[in-house]
Amino acid sequence: MRLVTYDQSYKDKIAGYVLSEEQLRFTKSPAESIQHAAQDKQRHPILALKNEELVTFFVLHEKDGAASFSENPHAVLLRSLSTDCRYQGKGHAKEAFQLLPAFIRAHFPDITEIVLAVNVQNTPAQALYEKCGYVERGNRVIGRKGEMIVMSLQL
């Protein structure tokens, strides 16, 4: 697996990415996230490719994005994480998370913390984040779709 920053050469892969209705309860589609990123240069869409297939997608949101969740000025917010429903349950998100610290060090050398907010009802995602070393910091926020647990990983 490899992590890459989105550019137009991946447009067809984004168009073919499939999310279930259940997934869309908790996250935005990659196409929607890419539209937001086009308007906000602090957002960086990231693709996880396995054998050149797009299996997992997320956005790294610098500065303003992380400021609501961490007092660390060198934090980045991980948002809009999803795995194409045809590839779910195969460890792809976990593998992407394992590659993420090195990716961030290479592309965002000033970042020292990854923060994320996960819906309290999304227990599978919470379990994944915990397995990958993310720790609940004791604060919760209200998001578009309800109460969210803030978790972070120190780099």
C-alpha atoms as a PDB file:
ATOM      1  CA  MET A   1       0.000   0.000   0.000  1.00  0.00           C
ATOM      2  CA  ARG A   2       1.028   3.578  -0.569  1.00  0.00           C
ATOM      3  CA  LEU A   3      -0.397   6.949   0.416  1.00  0.00           C
ATOM      4  CA  VAL A   4      -0.595   9.714  -2.195  1.00  0.00           C
ATOM      5  CA  THR A   5      -1.925  13.255  -2.258  1.00  0.00           C
ATOM      6  CA  TYR A   6      -4.909  13.645  -4.589  1.00  0.00           C
ATOM      7  CA  ASP A   7      -4.478  15.318  -7.944  1.00  0.00           C
ATOM      8  CA  GLN A   8      -6.577  15.274 -11.134  1.00  0.00           C
ATOM      9  CA  SER A   9      -4.866  12.105 -12.390  1.00  0.00           C
ATOM     10  CA  TYR A  10      -6.881  10.204  -9.734  1.00  0.00           C
ATOM     11  CA  LYS A  11     -10.254  11.637 -10.802  1.00  0.00           C
ATOM     12  CA  ASP A  12     -11.477   8.318 -12.279  1.00  0.00           C
ATOM     13  CA  LYS A  13     -10.541   6.427  -9.111  1.00  0.00           C
ATOM     14  CA  ILE A  14     -12.596   8.901  -7.047  1.00  0.00           C
ATOM     15  CA  ALA A  15     -15.548   8.542  -9.429  1.00  0.00           C
ATOM     16  CA  GLY A  16     -15.461   4.755  -8.963  1.00  0.00           C
ATOM     17  CA  TYR A  17     -15.228   4.850  -5.147  1.00  0.00           C
ATOM     18  CA  VAL A  18     -18.260   3.275  -3.460  1.00  0.00           C
ATOM     19  CA  LEU A  19     -19.633   4.049   0.014  1.00  0.00           C
ATOM     20  CA  SER A  20     -22.651   2.377   1.604  1.00  0.00           C
ATOM     21  CA  GLU A  21     -25.557   4.324   3.088  1.00  0.00           C
ATOM     22  CA  GLU A  22     -24.315   3.288   6.547  1.00  0.00           C
ATOM     23  CA  GLN A  23     -20.883   4.777   5.825  1.00  0.00           C
ATOM     24  CA  LEU A  24     -22.446   7.996   4.574  1.00  0.00           C
ATOM     25  CA  ARG A  25     -24.097   8.392   7.996  1.00  0.00           C
ATOM     26  CA  PHE A  26     -20.674   9.211   9.417  1.00  0.00           C
ATOM     27  CA  THR A  27     -18.510  10.611   6.613  1.00  0.00           C
ATOM     28  CA  LYS A  28     -18.552  12.649   3.431  1.00  0.00           C
ATOM     29  CA  SER A  29     -17.848  11.102   0.060  1.00  0.00           C
ATOM     30  CA  PRO A  30     -14.356  11.600  -1.357  1.00  0.00           C
ATOM     31  CA  ALA A  31     -15.821  13.672  -4.216  1.00  0.00           C
ATOM     32  CA  GLU A  32     -17.459  16.055  -1.737  1.00  0.00           C
ATOM     33  CA  SER A  33     -14.274  16.251   0.355  1.00  0.00           C
ATOM     34  CA  ILE A  34     -12.212  17.059  -2.740  1.00  0.00           C
ATOM     35  CA  GLN A  35     -14.628  19.886  -3.620  1.00  0.00           C
ATOM     36  CA  HIS A  36     -14.129  21.345  -0.125  1.00  0.00           C
ATOM     37  CA  ALA A  37     -10.352  20.998  -0.469  1.00  0.00           C
ATOM     38  CA  ALA A  38     -10.415  22.895  -3.760  1.00  0.00           C
ATOM     39  CA  GLN A  39     -11.839  25.861  -1.804  1.00  0.00           C
ATOM     40  CA  ASP A  40      -9.521  25.482   1.212  1.00  0.00           C
ATOM     41  CA  LYS A  41      -5.774  25.065   0.731  1.00  0.00           C
ATOM     42  CA  GLN A  42      -5.404  23.829   4.334  1.00  0.00           C
ATOM     43  CA  ARG A  43      -7.200  20.581   3.323  1.00  0.00           C
ATOM     44  CA  HIS A  44      -5.207  17.797   1.678  1.00  0.00           C
ATOM     45  CA  PRO A  45      -7.101  14.781   0.249  1.00  0.00           C
ATOM     46  CA  ILE A  46      -5.080  11.586   0.686  1.00  0.00           C
ATOM     47  CA  LEU A  47      -5.610   8.312  -1.158  1.00  0.00           C
ATOM     48  CA  ALA A  48      -4.503   4.893   0.054  1.00  0.00           C
ATOM     49  CA  LEU A  49      -3.752   2.736  -2.968  1.00  0.00           C
ATOM     50  CA  LYS A  50      -3.365  -1.025  -2.758  1.00  0.00           C
ATOM     51  CA  ASN A  51      -2.162  -2.579  -6.009  1.00  0.00           C
ATOM     52  CA  GLU A  52      -3.116   0.767  -7.593  1.00  0.00           C
ATOM     53  CA  GLU A  53      -6.752   0.384  -6.456  1.00  0.00           C
ATOM     54  CA  LEU A  54      -8.165   3.179  -4.310  1.00  0.00           C
ATOM     55  CA  VAL A  55      -9.203   1.414  -1.111  1.00  0.00           C
ATOM     56  CA  THR A  56      -9.182   4.137   1.572  1.00  0.00           C
ATOM     57  CA  PHE A  57      -9.562   7.902   1.530  1.00  0.00           C
ATOM     58  CA  PHE A  58      -9.184  10.705   4.079  1.00  0.00           C
ATOM     59  CA  VAL A  59      -8.364  14.392   4.366  1.00  0.00           C
ATOM     60  CA  LEU A  60      -5.600  16.000   6.410  1.00  0.00           C
ATOM     61  CA  HIS A  61      -6.769  19.455   7.505  1.00  0.00           C
ATOM     62  CA  GLU A  62      -4.058  21.764   8.781  1.00  0.00           C
ATOM     63  CA  LYS A  63      -4.246  24.849  10.996  1.00  0.00           C
ATOM     64  CA  ASP A  64      -7.915  25.952  11.212  1.00  0.00           C
ATOM     65  CA  GLY A  65      -9.153  22.363  10.968  1.00  0.00           C
ATOM     66  CA  ALA A  66      -7.163  21.113  13.925  1.00  0.00           C
ATOM     67  CA  ALA A  67      -7.561  24.264  16.036  1.00  0.00           C
ATOM     68  CA  SER A  68     -11.058  23.260  17.187  1.00  0.00           C
ATOM     69  CA  PHE A  69      -9.768  19.936  18.512  1.00  0.00           C
ATOM     70  CA  SER A  70      -6.264  20.608  19.812  1.00  0.00           C
ATOM     71  CA  GLU A  71      -4.375  23.486  21.390  1.00  0.00           C
ATOM     72  CA  ASN A  72      -1.248  22.227  19.621  1.00  0.00           C
ATOM     73  CA  PRO A  73      -0.458  24.643  16.742  1.00  0.00           C
ATOM     74  CA  HIS A  74       1.399  21.765  15.063  1.00  0.00           C
ATOM     75  CA  ALA A  75      -1.585  19.393  14.964  1.00  0.00           C
ATOM     76  CA  VAL A  76      -3.401  18.192  11.869  1.00  0.00           C
ATOM     77  CA  LEU A  77      -7.020  17.020  11.780  1.00  0.00           C
ATOM     78  CA  LEU A  78      -7.743  13.721  10.064  1.00  0.00           C
ATOM     79  CA  ARG A  79     -11.255  13.911   8.626  1.00  0.00           C
ATOM     80  CA  SER A  80     -13.581  12.189   6.159  1.00  0.00           C
ATOM     81  CA  LEU A  81     -11.965   8.773   6.565  1.00  0.00           C
ATOM     82  CA  SER A  82     -13.615   5.979   4.618  1.00  0.00           C
ATOM     83  CA  THR A  83     -12.842   2.673   2.978  1.00  0.00           C
ATOM     84  CA  ASP A  84     -14.532   1.735  -0.286  1.00  0.00           C
ATOM     85  CA  CYS A  85     -17.273  -0.675   0.836  1.00  0.00           C
ATOM     86  CA  ARG A  86     -16.005  -3.336  -1.590  1.00  0.00           C
ATOM     87  CA  TYR A  87     -12.717  -3.416   0.366  1.00  0.00           C
ATOM     88  CA  GLN A  88     -13.988  -3.092   3.939  1.00  0.00           C
ATOM     89  CA  GLY A  89     -12.934  -5.581   6.584  1.00  0.00           C
ATOM     90  CA  LYS A  90      -9.606  -6.382   4.939  1.00  0.00           C
ATOM     91  CA  GLY A  91      -7.351  -4.213   7.089  1.00  0.00           C
ATOM     92  CA  HIS A  92      -6.817  -1.444   4.542  1.00  0.00           C
ATOM     93  CA  ALA A  93      -7.676   1.449   6.875  1.00  0.00           C
ATOM     94  CA  LYS A  94      -5.409   0.005   9.553  1.00  0.00           C
ATOM     95  CA  GLU A  95      -2.582  -0.348   7.037  1.00  0.00           C
ATOM     96  CA  ALA A  96      -3.107   3.263   5.892  1.00  0.00           C
ATOM     97  CA  PHE A  97      -2.964   4.400   9.522  1.00  0.00           C
ATOM     98  CA  GLN A  98       0.310   2.548  10.002  1.00  0.00           C
ATOM     99  CA  LEU A  99       1.808   4.400   7.026  1.00  0.00           C
ATOM    100  CA  LEU A 100       0.436   7.783   8.071  1.00  0.00           C
ATOM    101  CA  PRO A 101       3.102   8.929  10.594  1.00  0.00           C
ATOM    102  CA  ALA A 102       5.926   8.468   8.056  1.00  0.00           C
ATOM    103  CA  PHE A 103       3.820  10.134   5.340  1.00  0.00           C
ATOM    104  CA  ILE A 104       3.182  13.133   7.589  1.00  0.00           C
ATOM    105  CA  ARG A 105       6.852  13.406   8.569  1.00  0.00           C
ATOM    106  CA  ALA A 106       7.795  13.412   4.865  1.00  0.00           C
ATOM    107  CA  HIS A 107       5.127  15.859   3.641  1.00  0.00           C
ATOM    108  CA  PHE A 108       4.259  17.917   6.741  1.00  0.00           C
ATOM    109  CA  PRO A 109       7.456  17.961   8.836  1.00  0.00           C
ATOM    110  CA  ASP A 110       6.129  20.548  11.322  1.00  0.00           C
ATOM    111  CA  ILE A 111       3.187  18.358  12.377  1.00  0.00           C
ATOM    112  CA  THR A 112       3.583  16.702  15.794  1.00  0.00           C
ATOM    113  CA  GLU A 113       0.052  15.433  16.435  1.00  0.00           C
ATOM    114  CA  ILE A 114      -2.819  13.888  14.494  1.00  0.00           C
ATOM    115  CA  VAL A 115      -6.285  14.583  15.915  1.00  0.00           C
ATOM    116  CA  LEU A 116      -9.631  13.208  14.831  1.00  0.00           C
ATOM    117  CA  ALA A 117     -13.225  13.251  15.998  1.00  0.00           C
ATOM    118  CA  VAL A 118     -15.314  10.098  15.767  1.00  0.00           C
ATOM    119  CA  ASN A 119     -19.060   9.814  16.259  1.00  0.00           C
ATOM    120  CA  VAL A 120     -19.957   8.098  19.544  1.00  0.00           C
ATOM    121  CA  GLN A 121     -22.204   5.722  17.581  1.00  0.00           C
ATOM    122  CA  ASN A 122     -19.397   4.675  15.232  1.00  0.00           C
ATOM    123  CA  THR A 123     -17.907   2.007  17.479  1.00  0.00           C
ATOM    124  CA  PRO A 124     -16.078   0.119  14.679  1.00  0.00           C
ATOM    125  CA  ALA A 125     -14.103   3.271  13.839  1.00  0.00           C
ATOM    126  CA  GLN A 126     -13.356   3.920  17.516  1.00  0.00           C
ATOM    127  CA  ALA A 127     -11.957   0.394  17.849  1.00  0.00           C
ATOM    128  CA  LEU A 128      -9.788   0.877  14.749  1.00  0.00           C
ATOM    129  CA  TYR A 129      -8.352   4.138  16.041  1.00  0.00           C
ATOM    130  CA  GLU A 130      -7.561   2.608  19.430  1.00  0.00           C
ATOM    131  CA  LYS A 131      -5.782  -0.341  17.765  1.00  0.00           C
ATOM    132  CA  CYS A 132      -3.706   2.181  15.802  1.00  0.00           C
ATOM    133  CA  GLY A 133      -2.569   4.009  18.947  1.00  0.00           C
ATOM    134  CA  TYR A 134      -5.025   6.907  19.076  1.00  0.00           C
ATOM    135  CA  VAL A 135      -6.019   7.939  22.586  1.00  0.00           C
ATOM    136  CA  GLU A 136      -9.203   9.612  23.753  1.00  0.00           C
ATOM    137  CA  ARG A 137      -8.258  12.980  25.228  1.00  0.00           C
ATOM    138  CA  GLY A 138     -11.356  13.314  27.425  1.00  0.00           C
ATOM    139  CA  ASN A 139     -13.113  15.991  25.435  1.00  0.00           C
ATOM    140  CA  ARG A 140     -16.142  15.639  23.217  1.00  0.00           C
ATOM    141  CA  VAL A 141     -17.685  17.918  20.640  1.00  0.00           C
ATOM    142  CA  ILE A 142     -21.009  18.124  18.857  1.00  0.00           C
ATOM    143  CA  GLY A 143     -20.627  17.602  15.125  1.00  0.00           C
ATOM    144  CA  ARG A 144     -23.046  17.695  12.195  1.00  0.00           C
ATOM    145  CA  LYS A 145     -24.241  14.211  13.072  1.00  0.00           C
ATOM    146  CA  GLY A 146     -24.121  14.216  16.867  1.00  0.00           C
ATOM    147  CA  GLU A 147     -21.678  13.785  19.711  1.00  0.00           C
ATOM    148  CA  MET A 148     -18.081  13.027  18.782  1.00  0.00           C
ATOM    149  CA  ILE A 149     -15.109  11.707  20.741  1.00  0.00           C
ATOM    150  CA  VAL A 150     -11.820  13.539  20.160  1.00  0.00           C
ATOM    151  CA  MET A 151      -8.794  11.253  19.851  1.00  0.00           C
ATOM    152  CA  SER A 152      -5.160  11.956  19.034  1.00  0.00           C
ATOM    153  CA  LEU A 153      -1.817  10.411  18.231  1.00  0.00           C
ATOM    154  CA  GLN A 154       1.435  12.130  19.171  1.00  0.00           C
ATOM    155  CA  LEU A 155       4.095  11.885  16.470  1.00  0.00           C
END
